[in-house]
Amino acid sequence: MDVTKKKLNDAADENIITPLQAEALYEFLAAQSQDEPKFTFTHVLYYLGGLIAIGAMTLFMNLGWELFGGAGIFWISVLYAAVGLKITNSLTAKGLAIPAGISATFVVCLTPLAIYGLQQWLGVWPEDSVYRDYHRYIRWHWLYMELGTLAIGVIVAWKYKYPFLVMPIAVTLWYMTMDITSMISGGDISWELRKLVSLYSGLLMVGLAFWVDIRSHRKADYAFWIYMFGVIAFWGGLSSQNSNDELSKFIYFCINLLMIGVGVMLVRRVFVVFGALGMCGYLGYLAYNVFKDSLMFPIALTAIGLGIIYIGILWQKYEKTITLKSRLLLPVSLRELLESKR
C-alpha cells in the first residue's frame, strides 16, 4: 500500500480525518521511511556516487596501480578504508543512514584489493594474473581475497548494521562457489559443471536469504541482496541446462511459474522478473518451434491469458478469507514474515 500526501488529503476531504491530522500523519510517515531506499533524486545521487566510487576500486581498476607494487597497493587501500570509516562514522552521527551504509560498503569492497597487495608484497601471489582479473575469471587463488572479504564484511555489517553491506557479502559468496569448484576440479571447469554449480549455489543462497528474512524482517531488509544474487545464479544455471524433451521444458516453465508465486508471496520482485522471463522464453519456444504453423495456438494463449485474469478477479474477491485460513497452517515464524510483507 502506497500512502501518499494526496491520499491523506482525500481522506481529510471525506471527513475520515482532519486536515491537521492528515498533515501530521504525512510528516510522521515521511520521517519513518526516510532511511528506506526509494526512487527519489536524492537516493539516486547517493547510490550513483557510491557505485561509481566502489566500481573505481573494483570493476574498473586498471593496470596503472600495479606501478605502486604490493606494499603501495596495500597501504593505499588501508588509507582509503580509514577515510571511508571516518566518513561512515560522521554520516552515522548525523543520522544519514543510506550514505553511511554506502560508505561502509565501500570499505568492505576495498578488502580484496588490500589482500591482493599484501600477497604481492609478501611474494606469495601467482605471477599469471593481476587484480583486475578478479571480477572476470574463475581461479582458485582468489579464495584468500574472498575469505578476507567475507570476514571484514561480517565484522563491518555487525558493527553498523546497514542492509547495503550485505551486497558485497552476497557477491563474494557467489564468486566463492565458482572458485572453490575451480580448486576442486584442478582448474579444469567444464561448461556443464559451471551450470550445475550456478544452479545449486543459487538455490543455497536463496535458502540462506529466506532464513535471514525470517530472522531479521522486524529490523531491516538484510535479505535483499542475497535473494538478488541467489536468484540470478539459480535462474541462470537453470536456464542454461540442456533439455531435449518437451517434459523437461515444461518443468522449466512450471519452475518459473512457481518463482512468480514465491515472489508475490514474499514481495520479492526479483523472483517475479526472472520467473516472467523464463515463462516468456518457454512460450516463445512453443510459438516458434512446437506450434509454429498452428492456427489455434494464439487463440489458446489468449484464452489462457483471459483465464488468468479471471482467476485474479476471484482471488481479489476471496483473498482475505483464503489468506487467513492458509496462514493458520504455517509455522509462527513464517506466518509473521508473511504478515510483515502486507
Protein backbone atom coordinates (compact mmCIF):
# COMPACT_ATOMS: atom_id res chain seq x y z
CA MET A 1 0.00 0.00 0.00
CA ASP A 2 1.48 3.33 -1.12
CA VAL A 3 0.37 6.12 1.25
CA THR A 4 0.79 9.49 -0.45
CA LYS A 5 0.02 13.00 0.68
CA LYS A 6 -2.78 13.19 -1.88
CA LYS A 7 -4.46 10.09 -0.43
CA LEU A 8 -4.30 11.53 3.06
CA ASN A 9 -5.76 14.82 1.81
CA ASP A 10 -8.51 12.86 0.07
CA ALA A 11 -9.26 11.12 3.39
CA ALA A 12 -9.49 14.54 5.03
CA ASP A 13 -11.90 15.72 2.30
CA GLU A 14 -14.11 12.71 3.14
CA ASN A 15 -14.02 13.73 6.83
CA ILE A 16 -12.28 10.48 7.80
CA ILE A 17 -9.51 12.51 9.41
CA THR A 18 -8.99 16.24 9.83
CA PRO A 19 -6.61 18.23 7.58
CA LEU A 20 -4.31 18.78 10.59
CA GLN A 21 -4.25 15.04 11.25
CA ALA A 22 -3.53 14.36 7.57
CA GLU A 23 -0.55 16.73 7.64
CA ALA A 24 0.76 15.34 10.93
CA LEU A 25 0.35 11.74 9.75
CA TYR A 26 2.18 12.51 6.49
CA GLU A 27 5.10 14.09 8.36
CA PHE A 28 5.24 11.08 10.72
CA LEU A 29 5.24 8.54 7.87
CA ALA A 30 7.84 10.54 5.92
CA ALA A 31 10.14 10.58 8.95
CA GLN A 32 9.64 6.86 9.49
CA SER A 33 10.61 5.97 5.92
CA GLN A 34 13.46 8.44 5.31
CA ASP A 35 16.07 5.68 5.70
CA GLU A 36 14.31 3.29 3.31
CA PRO A 37 15.73 3.19 -0.25
CA LYS A 38 13.32 4.96 -2.59
CA PHE A 39 13.40 6.11 -6.20
CA THR A 40 14.00 9.76 -5.40
CA PHE A 41 16.56 12.16 -6.83
CA THR A 42 18.43 12.28 -3.51
CA HIS A 43 18.69 8.50 -3.22
CA VAL A 44 19.66 8.15 -6.89
CA LEU A 45 22.55 10.56 -6.24
CA TYR A 46 23.57 8.57 -3.14
CA TYR A 47 23.70 5.23 -4.94
CA LEU A 48 25.12 6.61 -8.20
CA GLY A 49 28.02 8.25 -6.38
CA GLY A 50 28.59 5.24 -4.16
CA LEU A 51 28.56 2.75 -7.03
CA ILE A 52 30.98 4.90 -9.04
CA ALA A 53 33.38 5.00 -6.07
CA ILE A 54 33.02 1.25 -5.45
CA GLY A 55 33.39 0.46 -9.15
CA ALA A 56 36.55 2.56 -9.35
CA MET A 57 38.25 0.29 -6.82
CA THR A 58 36.78 -2.99 -8.12
CA LEU A 59 35.36 -3.47 -11.63
CA PHE A 60 37.14 -0.50 -13.24
CA MET A 61 40.54 -0.89 -11.60
CA ASN A 62 43.24 -0.56 -14.28
CA LEU A 63 46.79 -1.81 -14.60
CA GLY A 64 48.24 1.58 -13.64
CA TRP A 65 48.01 0.70 -9.96
CA GLU A 66 50.44 -2.16 -10.49
CA LEU A 67 53.16 0.50 -10.60
CA PHE A 68 52.74 1.05 -6.85
CA GLY A 69 53.78 -2.54 -6.13
CA GLY A 70 52.27 -4.77 -3.46
CA ALA A 71 53.20 -2.57 -0.49
CA GLY A 72 51.89 0.56 -2.19
CA ILE A 73 48.58 -1.05 -3.13
CA PHE A 74 48.14 -2.41 0.41
CA TRP A 75 48.81 0.86 2.22
CA ILE A 76 46.76 2.95 -0.21
CA SER A 77 43.86 0.54 0.33
CA VAL A 78 44.26 0.85 4.10
CA LEU A 79 44.30 4.65 3.81
CA TYR A 80 41.17 4.61 1.64
CA ALA A 81 39.47 2.30 4.16
CA ALA A 82 40.37 4.60 7.06
CA VAL A 83 38.89 7.58 5.21
CA GLY A 84 35.81 5.51 4.37
CA LEU A 85 35.29 4.55 8.02
CA LYS A 86 35.75 8.17 9.08
CA ILE A 87 33.07 9.25 6.61
CA THR A 88 30.81 6.39 7.73
CA ASN A 89 31.05 7.41 11.39
CA SER A 90 30.43 11.05 10.53
CA LEU A 91 27.34 10.26 8.44
CA THR A 92 26.05 7.84 11.09
CA ALA A 93 26.32 10.55 13.74
CA LYS A 94 24.24 12.85 11.51
CA GLY A 95 21.55 10.18 11.06
CA LEU A 96 22.21 9.79 7.31
CA ALA A 97 21.81 6.01 7.19
CA ILE A 98 21.81 5.43 3.43
CA PRO A 99 25.03 7.32 2.53
CA ALA A 100 26.63 5.90 5.69
CA GLY A 101 25.77 2.37 4.55
CA ILE A 102 27.18 3.05 1.08
CA SER A 103 30.40 4.42 2.59
CA ALA A 104 30.76 1.36 4.86
CA THR A 105 30.18 -0.89 1.84
CA PHE A 106 32.98 0.94 0.01
CA VAL A 107 35.30 -0.05 2.87
CA VAL A 108 34.34 -3.72 2.56
CA CYS A 109 34.84 -3.63 -1.22
CA LEU A 110 38.43 -2.46 -0.67
CA THR A 111 39.29 -5.72 1.11
CA PRO A 112 40.13 -7.84 -1.98
CA LEU A 113 42.47 -5.12 -3.27
CA ALA A 114 44.21 -4.82 0.11
CA ILE A 115 44.70 -8.60 0.36
CA TYR A 116 45.98 -8.70 -3.23
CA GLY A 117 48.53 -6.01 -2.41
CA LEU A 118 49.55 -7.79 0.78
CA GLN A 119 50.08 -11.08 -1.06
CA GLN A 120 52.15 -9.34 -3.71
CA TRP A 121 54.16 -7.60 -1.01
CA LEU A 122 54.88 -10.92 0.72
CA GLY A 123 55.81 -12.55 -2.58
CA VAL A 124 53.10 -15.23 -2.47
CA TRP A 125 50.96 -14.01 -5.37
CA PRO A 126 50.96 -16.10 -8.61
CA GLU A 127 52.50 -14.17 -11.48
CA ASP A 128 49.92 -15.21 -14.09
CA SER A 129 47.16 -12.82 -13.01
CA VAL A 130 46.50 -9.29 -11.75
CA TYR A 131 43.79 -7.75 -9.58
CA ARG A 132 41.61 -6.56 -12.46
CA ASP A 133 41.06 -10.24 -13.41
CA TYR A 134 39.34 -10.88 -10.05
CA HIS A 135 35.91 -9.91 -11.43
CA ARG A 136 36.45 -11.55 -14.83
CA TYR A 137 37.97 -15.02 -14.40
CA ILE A 138 37.43 -18.05 -12.18
CA ARG A 139 40.64 -19.04 -10.34
CA TRP A 140 41.28 -20.83 -7.08
CA HIS A 141 43.79 -18.32 -5.71
CA TRP A 142 41.08 -15.67 -5.40
CA LEU A 143 39.86 -17.61 -2.33
CA TYR A 144 42.15 -15.73 0.08
CA MET A 145 40.68 -12.44 -1.10
CA GLU A 146 37.15 -13.81 -0.83
CA LEU A 147 37.57 -15.25 2.66
CA GLY A 148 39.08 -11.95 3.83
CA THR A 149 36.21 -10.01 2.27
CA LEU A 150 33.66 -12.23 4.00
CA ALA A 151 35.41 -11.76 7.35
CA ILE A 152 35.65 -7.97 7.03
CA GLY A 153 32.13 -7.79 5.59
CA VAL A 154 30.63 -9.68 8.53
CA ILE A 155 32.53 -7.54 11.07
CA VAL A 156 31.53 -4.23 9.45
CA ALA A 157 27.92 -5.40 8.96
CA TRP A 158 27.76 -6.46 12.61
CA LYS A 159 29.06 -3.07 13.75
CA TYR A 160 27.00 -0.77 11.51
CA LYS A 161 24.00 -2.99 10.63
CA TYR A 162 23.22 -1.32 7.29
CA PRO A 163 21.39 -3.60 4.78
CA PHE A 164 23.50 -2.44 1.80
CA LEU A 165 26.54 -4.02 3.49
CA VAL A 166 25.12 -7.43 2.61
CA MET A 167 25.70 -6.69 -1.10
CA PRO A 168 29.49 -7.35 -1.19
CA ILE A 169 28.96 -10.38 1.07
CA ALA A 170 26.40 -11.83 -1.37
CA VAL A 171 28.65 -11.15 -4.38
CA THR A 172 31.61 -12.75 -2.61
CA LEU A 173 29.59 -15.87 -1.76
CA TRP A 174 28.65 -16.13 -5.43
CA TYR A 175 32.28 -15.78 -6.51
CA MET A 176 33.44 -18.31 -3.90
CA THR A 177 31.21 -21.09 -5.20
CA MET A 178 32.81 -20.82 -8.63
CA ASP A 179 36.38 -20.51 -7.35
CA ILE A 180 36.00 -23.43 -4.92
CA THR A 181 34.76 -25.51 -7.86
CA SER A 182 37.86 -24.47 -9.79
CA MET A 183 40.09 -25.57 -6.90
CA ILE A 184 38.33 -28.95 -6.52
CA SER A 185 38.42 -29.66 -10.26
CA GLY A 186 42.09 -28.67 -10.58
CA GLY A 187 41.25 -25.60 -12.65
CA ASP A 188 39.54 -27.57 -15.43
CA ILE A 189 35.95 -26.34 -15.25
CA SER A 190 33.63 -27.56 -17.98
CA TRP A 191 30.62 -25.52 -19.05
CA GLU A 192 28.30 -28.24 -17.74
CA LEU A 193 29.92 -28.10 -14.31
CA ARG A 194 29.63 -24.31 -14.21
CA LYS A 195 25.91 -24.52 -14.93
CA LEU A 196 25.32 -27.05 -12.16
CA VAL A 197 27.39 -25.06 -9.67
CA SER A 198 25.44 -21.90 -10.53
CA LEU A 199 22.12 -23.75 -10.17
CA TYR A 200 22.78 -25.34 -6.78
CA SER A 201 24.75 -22.49 -5.25
CA GLY A 202 21.96 -20.11 -6.25
CA LEU A 203 19.43 -22.39 -4.60
CA LEU A 204 21.53 -22.45 -1.41
CA MET A 205 21.80 -18.65 -1.44
CA VAL A 206 18.02 -18.33 -1.82
CA GLY A 207 17.63 -20.64 1.18
CA LEU A 208 20.10 -18.51 3.15
CA ALA A 209 18.22 -15.35 2.15
CA PHE A 210 14.93 -16.88 3.31
CA TRP A 211 16.50 -17.74 6.68
CA VAL A 212 17.89 -14.21 7.02
CA ASP A 213 14.50 -12.81 6.02
CA ILE A 214 12.73 -14.74 8.78
CA ARG A 215 15.32 -13.73 11.39
CA SER A 216 15.63 -10.04 10.54
CA HIS A 217 12.38 -8.85 8.91
CA ARG A 218 11.47 -6.80 12.01
CA LYS A 219 14.73 -4.81 11.79
CA ALA A 220 15.71 -4.16 8.18
CA ASP A 221 15.81 -5.84 4.78
CA TYR A 222 19.12 -7.68 5.11
CA ALA A 223 17.99 -10.45 2.74
CA PHE A 224 17.51 -8.32 -0.39
CA TRP A 225 20.96 -8.71 -1.93
CA ILE A 226 21.24 -12.40 -1.04
CA TYR A 227 17.91 -13.01 -2.77
CA MET A 228 19.11 -10.96 -5.74
CA PHE A 229 22.33 -12.86 -6.44
CA GLY A 230 20.84 -16.19 -5.37
CA VAL A 231 18.01 -15.90 -7.89
CA ILE A 232 20.38 -14.71 -10.64
CA ALA A 233 22.70 -17.67 -10.06
CA PHE A 234 19.85 -20.20 -9.76
CA TRP A 235 17.87 -18.93 -12.75
CA GLY A 236 21.00 -18.56 -14.89
CA GLY A 237 22.08 -22.13 -14.13
CA LEU A 238 18.55 -23.45 -14.66
CA SER A 239 18.04 -21.64 -17.97
CA SER A 240 21.42 -22.87 -19.27
CA GLN A 241 20.60 -26.55 -18.79
CA ASN A 242 20.25 -28.66 -21.91
CA SER A 243 16.80 -30.24 -22.31
CA ASN A 244 15.95 -32.26 -25.40
CA ASP A 245 12.47 -33.40 -24.39
CA GLU A 246 9.25 -31.47 -24.00
CA LEU A 247 8.67 -32.67 -20.43
CA SER A 248 11.91 -31.02 -19.22
CA LYS A 249 10.97 -27.78 -20.93
CA PHE A 250 7.50 -27.87 -19.35
CA ILE A 251 9.05 -28.48 -15.92
CA TYR A 252 11.24 -25.43 -16.56
CA PHE A 253 8.08 -23.45 -17.29
CA CYS A 254 6.47 -24.70 -14.05
CA ILE A 255 9.56 -23.75 -12.00
CA ASN A 256 9.41 -20.23 -13.41
CA LEU A 257 5.69 -20.08 -12.64
CA LEU A 258 6.48 -21.18 -9.08
CA MET A 259 9.12 -18.43 -8.84
CA ILE A 260 6.47 -15.85 -9.66
CA GLY A 261 4.23 -17.25 -6.94
CA VAL A 262 7.07 -17.20 -4.40
CA GLY A 263 7.96 -13.65 -5.42
CA VAL A 264 4.39 -12.44 -4.93
CA MET A 265 4.09 -14.22 -1.57
CA LEU A 266 7.40 -12.84 -0.24
CA VAL A 267 7.05 -9.50 -2.06
CA ARG A 268 10.38 -10.08 -3.80
CA ARG A 269 10.32 -8.65 -7.32
CA VAL A 270 13.49 -10.46 -8.40
CA PHE A 271 11.62 -13.78 -8.37
CA VAL A 272 8.78 -12.30 -10.42
CA VAL A 273 11.06 -10.67 -13.00
CA PHE A 274 13.17 -13.75 -13.71
CA GLY A 275 10.17 -16.08 -13.48
CA ALA A 276 8.37 -13.96 -16.07
CA LEU A 277 11.44 -14.01 -18.33
CA GLY A 278 11.55 -17.81 -18.12
CA MET A 279 7.83 -18.15 -18.86
CA CYS A 280 8.11 -15.82 -21.85
CA GLY A 281 11.07 -17.81 -23.12
CA TYR A 282 9.09 -21.06 -22.91
CA LEU A 283 6.02 -19.57 -24.61
CA GLY A 284 8.29 -18.15 -27.32
CA TYR A 285 9.75 -21.64 -27.82
CA LEU A 286 6.25 -23.08 -28.21
CA ALA A 287 5.22 -20.36 -30.66
CA TYR A 288 8.28 -20.55 -32.90
CA ASN A 289 9.06 -24.26 -32.73
CA VAL A 290 6.31 -26.56 -31.49
CA PHE A 291 3.22 -24.70 -32.77
CA LYS A 292 4.77 -22.50 -35.45
CA ASP A 293 2.13 -23.48 -38.04
CA SER A 294 -0.81 -23.85 -35.66
CA LEU A 295 -3.79 -21.53 -36.07
CA MET A 296 -5.12 -22.42 -32.64
CA PHE A 297 -2.03 -21.60 -30.59
CA PRO A 298 -2.57 -17.79 -30.42
CA ILE A 299 -6.25 -18.40 -29.65
CA ALA A 300 -5.34 -20.87 -26.89
CA LEU A 301 -2.84 -18.42 -25.38
CA THR A 302 -5.47 -15.67 -25.44
CA ALA A 303 -7.92 -17.94 -23.62
CA ILE A 304 -5.26 -18.83 -21.04
CA GLY A 305 -4.48 -15.14 -20.51
CA LEU A 306 -8.16 -14.27 -20.01
CA GLY A 307 -8.49 -17.25 -17.66
CA ILE A 308 -5.60 -15.94 -15.54
CA ILE A 309 -7.29 -12.54 -15.38
CA TYR A 310 -10.50 -14.25 -14.17
CA ILE A 311 -8.50 -16.11 -11.51
CA GLY A 312 -7.15 -12.73 -10.43
CA ILE A 313 -10.69 -11.41 -10.06
CA LEU A 314 -11.68 -14.40 -7.91
CA TRP A 315 -8.50 -14.04 -5.85
CA GLN A 316 -9.22 -10.37 -5.17
CA LYS A 317 -12.73 -11.30 -4.04
CA TYR A 318 -11.71 -14.10 -1.65
CA GLU A 319 -8.10 -13.14 -0.87
CA LYS A 320 -8.67 -12.18 2.76
CA THR A 321 -10.52 -15.41 3.63
CA ILE A 322 -8.05 -17.68 1.81
CA THR A 323 -5.05 -15.88 3.31
CA LEU A 324 -6.31 -16.07 6.88
CA LYS A 325 -7.16 -19.77 6.66
CA SER A 326 -3.97 -20.80 4.84
CA ARG A 327 -1.64 -18.91 7.20
CA LEU A 328 -3.06 -20.74 10.19
CA LEU A 329 -1.39 -23.87 8.78
CA LEU A 330 2.06 -22.25 8.65
CA PRO A 331 4.77 -22.11 11.36
CA VAL A 332 4.62 -18.99 13.52
CA SER A 333 7.93 -17.57 12.21
CA LEU A 334 6.84 -17.90 8.57
CA ARG A 335 3.38 -16.51 9.40
CA GLU A 336 4.98 -13.43 10.98
CA LEU A 337 7.26 -12.95 7.97
CA LEU A 338 4.33 -13.05 5.51
CA GLU A 339 2.25 -10.77 7.74
CA SER A 340 5.07 -8.20 7.74
CA LYS A 341 5.01 -8.16 3.92
CA ARG A 342 1.41 -6.99 3.76
